[in-house]
Amino acid sequence: MFTGIVQGTVRVVKILKKENFQTHVLEMPQELRKGLTLGASVAHNGCCLTVTKVEGDFVSFDLMQETLKVTNLGLLLEGDNVNIERAAKFGDEIGGHSMSGHINLCSTISDVINTANNCTIWFTMPMPSMKYVLTKGYIGIDGCSLTIGEVKDNRFCVHLIPETLERTLFGTRKIGDVVNIEIDPQTQAIVDTVERVLMNQSSNTQ
């Protein structure tokens, strides 16, 4: 489990490509490597990956074809950065909202509006998934737990404070960039349940 509070960005120093498979090697600072062991879970842009090797500052992670297809990790190049969060431990403060590290789909940034003290970013997403995107609801974007600002048709926005822009990739994101989306599981469960109840009621009245 993850909290959606990104701990920083880390550079991808090497990408080893094989058929339908990749190994990403990250250069992680000591504070993020503390207690890190083989088999540990680390979120990369919100996607939960397993540590496969630790050699000094360099930590390796294997990515299967499904991960490369569903997330933006398959678009990474050597030298790119990713948002990083270590898995939460029992007793940790949940500063954002509970996240699984399982990416539902990708979204594209359609607009970036900068003002003096914050930044508003708009995202475009396929309509079938927009039913889970509710004003003031939670959503995970590249591993960040965020509150949805406005929803318009197949677009939604979030408002970001300077701390978020500095700590995460959002400070460098631009129009056209692809981000990972994790739908809030509680929102998804509620929406699916309501849909199912309404469908049953409609069937019973026919």
Protein backbone atom coordinates (compact mmCIF):
# COMPACT_ATOMS: atom_id res chain seq x y z
CA MET A 1 0.00 0.00 0.00
CA PHE A 2 1.06 3.58 -0.67
CA THR A 3 -0.11 6.93 0.68
CA GLY A 4 0.22 9.02 -2.48
CA ILE A 5 2.78 11.31 -0.84
CA VAL A 6 5.71 11.28 -3.26
CA GLN A 7 9.06 11.34 -1.45
CA GLY A 8 11.04 12.79 -4.34
CA THR A 9 12.17 12.21 -7.92
CA VAL A 10 14.91 9.78 -8.91
CA ARG A 11 16.86 9.41 -12.16
CA VAL A 12 16.64 6.35 -14.39
CA VAL A 13 20.31 5.72 -15.23
CA LYS A 14 19.94 2.58 -17.33
CA ILE A 15 17.19 0.75 -19.22
CA LEU A 16 17.94 -2.84 -20.25
CA LYS A 17 15.50 -3.93 -22.95
CA LYS A 18 14.59 -7.50 -23.82
CA GLU A 19 11.61 -8.93 -25.71
CA ASN A 20 8.45 -7.76 -23.90
CA PHE A 21 10.54 -7.04 -20.81
CA GLN A 22 12.69 -4.26 -19.36
CA THR A 23 14.93 -3.70 -16.37
CA HIS A 24 15.12 -0.15 -15.06
CA VAL A 25 18.12 0.86 -12.93
CA LEU A 26 17.57 3.88 -10.68
CA GLU A 27 20.16 5.92 -8.81
CA MET A 28 18.53 6.31 -5.40
CA PRO A 29 19.88 8.54 -2.61
CA GLN A 30 20.77 6.98 0.70
CA GLU A 31 17.69 8.33 2.51
CA LEU A 32 15.40 6.53 0.06
CA ARG A 33 17.47 3.31 0.16
CA LYS A 34 17.45 2.97 3.96
CA GLY A 35 16.29 -0.55 4.82
CA LEU A 36 15.56 -1.34 1.18
CA THR A 37 15.87 -5.07 0.46
CA LEU A 38 15.23 -7.46 -2.42
CA GLY A 39 11.52 -7.97 -2.91
CA ALA A 40 10.56 -4.59 -1.44
CA SER A 41 7.86 -2.55 -3.16
CA VAL A 42 8.55 0.93 -4.54
CA ALA A 43 6.12 3.06 -6.54
CA HIS A 44 7.47 4.56 -9.79
CA ASN A 45 5.11 7.25 -11.07
CA GLY A 46 2.52 5.49 -8.93
CA CYS A 47 3.19 2.01 -10.34
CA CYS A 48 4.20 -0.59 -7.76
CA LEU A 49 7.45 -2.35 -8.75
CA THR A 50 9.59 -4.91 -6.93
CA VAL A 51 13.28 -4.45 -6.10
CA THR A 52 15.32 -7.09 -7.93
CA LYS A 53 18.88 -5.89 -7.20
CA VAL A 54 20.66 -3.38 -4.96
CA GLU A 55 24.24 -2.38 -5.79
CA GLY A 56 25.34 0.67 -3.82
CA ASP A 57 23.35 3.67 -5.05
CA PHE A 58 21.81 1.68 -7.91
CA VAL A 59 18.55 -0.21 -7.53
CA SER A 60 17.03 -2.41 -10.26
CA PHE A 61 13.38 -3.15 -11.05
CA ASP A 62 11.89 -5.50 -13.66
CA LEU A 63 8.91 -4.45 -15.78
CA MET A 64 6.67 -6.93 -17.58
CA GLN A 65 4.95 -6.24 -20.91
CA GLU A 66 1.60 -5.42 -19.27
CA THR A 67 3.26 -2.76 -17.11
CA LEU A 68 5.00 -1.24 -20.13
CA LYS A 69 1.72 -1.21 -22.07
CA VAL A 70 -0.63 0.19 -19.42
CA THR A 71 1.65 2.80 -17.81
CA ASN A 72 3.95 5.64 -18.90
CA LEU A 73 7.02 3.72 -17.70
CA GLY A 74 7.43 2.24 -21.18
CA LEU A 75 7.94 5.78 -22.52
CA LEU A 76 10.90 6.51 -20.24
CA LEU A 77 14.39 7.15 -21.59
CA GLU A 78 17.70 6.90 -19.77
CA GLY A 79 18.20 10.14 -17.86
CA ASP A 80 14.49 10.69 -17.22
CA ASN A 81 13.20 11.07 -13.67
CA VAL A 82 10.35 9.27 -11.93
CA ASN A 83 8.28 10.04 -8.84
CA ILE A 84 9.24 7.68 -6.01
CA GLU A 85 7.39 6.48 -2.92
CA ARG A 86 8.46 3.64 -0.65
CA ALA A 87 5.69 1.29 0.48
CA ALA A 88 3.84 2.40 3.61
CA LYS A 89 4.38 0.58 6.89
CA PHE A 90 1.75 -0.13 9.53
CA GLY A 91 1.51 2.91 11.76
CA ASP A 92 2.62 5.39 9.09
CA GLU A 93 0.58 8.57 8.72
CA ILE A 94 -1.66 8.47 5.63
CA GLY A 95 -1.14 12.00 4.39
CA GLY A 96 -2.89 11.49 1.06
CA HIS A 97 -5.29 8.59 0.45
CA SER A 98 -4.74 4.84 0.36
CA MET A 99 -3.32 3.76 -3.01
CA SER A 100 -2.53 0.28 -4.33
CA GLY A 101 0.14 1.13 -6.90
CA HIS A 102 -1.95 -0.52 -9.64
CA ILE A 103 -2.38 1.83 -12.60
CA ASN A 104 -5.80 1.83 -14.28
CA LEU A 105 -4.92 3.82 -17.40
CA CYS A 106 -2.95 6.77 -18.75
CA SER A 107 -4.11 10.34 -19.27
CA THR A 108 -2.71 13.23 -21.32
CA ILE A 109 -2.07 16.75 -20.05
CA SER A 110 -4.21 19.15 -22.09
CA ASP A 111 -3.43 22.47 -20.38
CA VAL A 112 -1.08 23.95 -17.79
CA ILE A 113 -2.11 27.23 -16.13
CA ASN A 114 0.52 28.87 -13.92
CA THR A 115 -0.31 31.64 -11.45
CA ALA A 116 1.72 33.39 -8.75
CA ASN A 117 1.29 30.78 -6.01
CA ASN A 118 -0.09 27.64 -7.62
CA CYS A 119 -0.55 25.73 -10.84
CA THR A 120 -3.66 24.22 -12.40
CA ILE A 121 -3.19 21.25 -14.73
CA TRP A 122 -5.97 19.86 -16.95
CA PHE A 123 -6.04 16.25 -18.07
CA THR A 124 -7.94 14.46 -20.84
CA MET A 125 -9.17 10.93 -20.20
CA PRO A 126 -11.35 8.37 -22.05
CA MET A 127 -15.05 8.91 -21.27
CA PRO A 128 -15.72 5.41 -19.82
CA SER A 129 -13.33 6.17 -16.94
CA MET A 130 -14.61 9.71 -16.34
CA LYS A 131 -17.57 8.34 -14.34
CA TYR A 132 -15.07 7.73 -11.52
CA VAL A 133 -13.73 11.30 -11.64
CA LEU A 134 -15.81 13.43 -9.28
CA THR A 135 -15.32 17.04 -8.20
CA LYS A 136 -13.51 17.13 -4.82
CA GLY A 137 -12.87 13.39 -5.04
CA TYR A 138 -9.47 11.70 -4.82
CA ILE A 139 -7.34 10.53 -7.73
CA GLY A 140 -3.78 9.23 -8.06
CA ILE A 141 -1.68 10.90 -10.78
CA ASP A 142 1.89 9.65 -11.30
CA GLY A 143 1.77 8.42 -7.71
CA CYS A 144 0.54 11.71 -6.21
CA SER A 145 -2.63 11.70 -4.14
CA LEU A 146 -4.58 14.71 -5.43
CA THR A 147 -8.00 16.27 -5.04
CA ILE A 148 -9.97 16.79 -8.24
CA GLY A 149 -10.79 20.45 -8.90
CA GLU A 150 -13.26 20.67 -11.79
CA VAL A 151 -14.72 18.13 -14.21
CA LYS A 152 -15.79 19.09 -17.74
CA ASP A 153 -16.85 16.38 -20.20
CA ASN A 154 -13.76 14.18 -20.66
CA ARG A 155 -11.42 16.57 -18.84
CA PHE A 156 -10.61 17.30 -15.22
CA CYS A 157 -8.12 19.47 -13.37
CA VAL A 158 -6.09 19.54 -10.18
CA HIS A 159 -4.61 22.52 -8.34
CA LEU A 160 -0.99 22.17 -7.20
CA ILE A 161 0.88 24.11 -4.53
CA PRO A 162 4.59 25.07 -4.90
CA GLU A 163 5.69 22.21 -2.59
CA THR A 164 4.10 19.61 -4.89
CA LEU A 165 5.62 21.25 -7.96
CA GLU A 166 9.08 21.19 -6.38
CA ARG A 167 8.96 17.66 -4.94
CA THR A 168 7.41 15.86 -7.94
CA LEU A 169 7.57 15.74 -11.73
CA PHE A 170 4.65 18.17 -11.95
CA GLY A 171 7.08 21.07 -11.85
CA THR A 172 8.37 20.07 -15.30
CA ARG A 173 5.22 18.60 -16.84
CA LYS A 174 3.90 20.19 -20.05
CA ILE A 175 1.01 19.87 -22.50
CA GLY A 176 1.03 16.49 -24.25
CA ASP A 177 2.82 14.62 -21.45
CA VAL A 178 1.36 11.24 -20.51
CA VAL A 179 0.68 10.49 -16.83
CA ASN A 180 -0.38 7.39 -14.90
CA ILE A 181 -3.85 7.35 -13.36
CA GLU A 182 -5.00 5.28 -10.39
CA ILE A 183 -8.73 5.60 -9.78
CA ASP A 184 -9.68 5.86 -6.11
CA PRO A 185 -10.92 2.32 -5.31
CA GLN A 186 -13.62 3.54 -2.91
CA THR A 187 -15.03 5.88 -5.55
CA GLN A 188 -14.95 3.08 -8.12
CA ALA A 189 -16.74 0.69 -5.77
CA ILE A 190 -19.48 3.22 -4.97
CA VAL A 191 -20.06 4.18 -8.62
CA ASP A 192 -20.14 0.53 -9.76
CA THR A 193 -22.54 -0.41 -6.93
CA VAL A 194 -24.93 2.45 -7.74
CA GLU A 195 -24.86 1.54 -11.43
CA ARG A 196 -25.62 -2.10 -10.59
CA VAL A 197 -28.53 -1.17 -8.29
CA LEU A 198 -30.04 1.19 -10.87
CA MET A 199 -29.69 -1.45 -13.58
CA ASN A 200 -31.45 -4.03 -11.42
CA GLN A 201 -34.24 -1.60 -10.59
CA SER A 202 -34.70 -0.82 -14.27
CA SER A 203 -34.84 -4.54 -15.13
CA ASN A 204 -37.44 -5.19 -12.40
CA THR A 205 -39.76 -2.45 -13.64
CA GLN A 206 -39.84 -3.72 -17.21
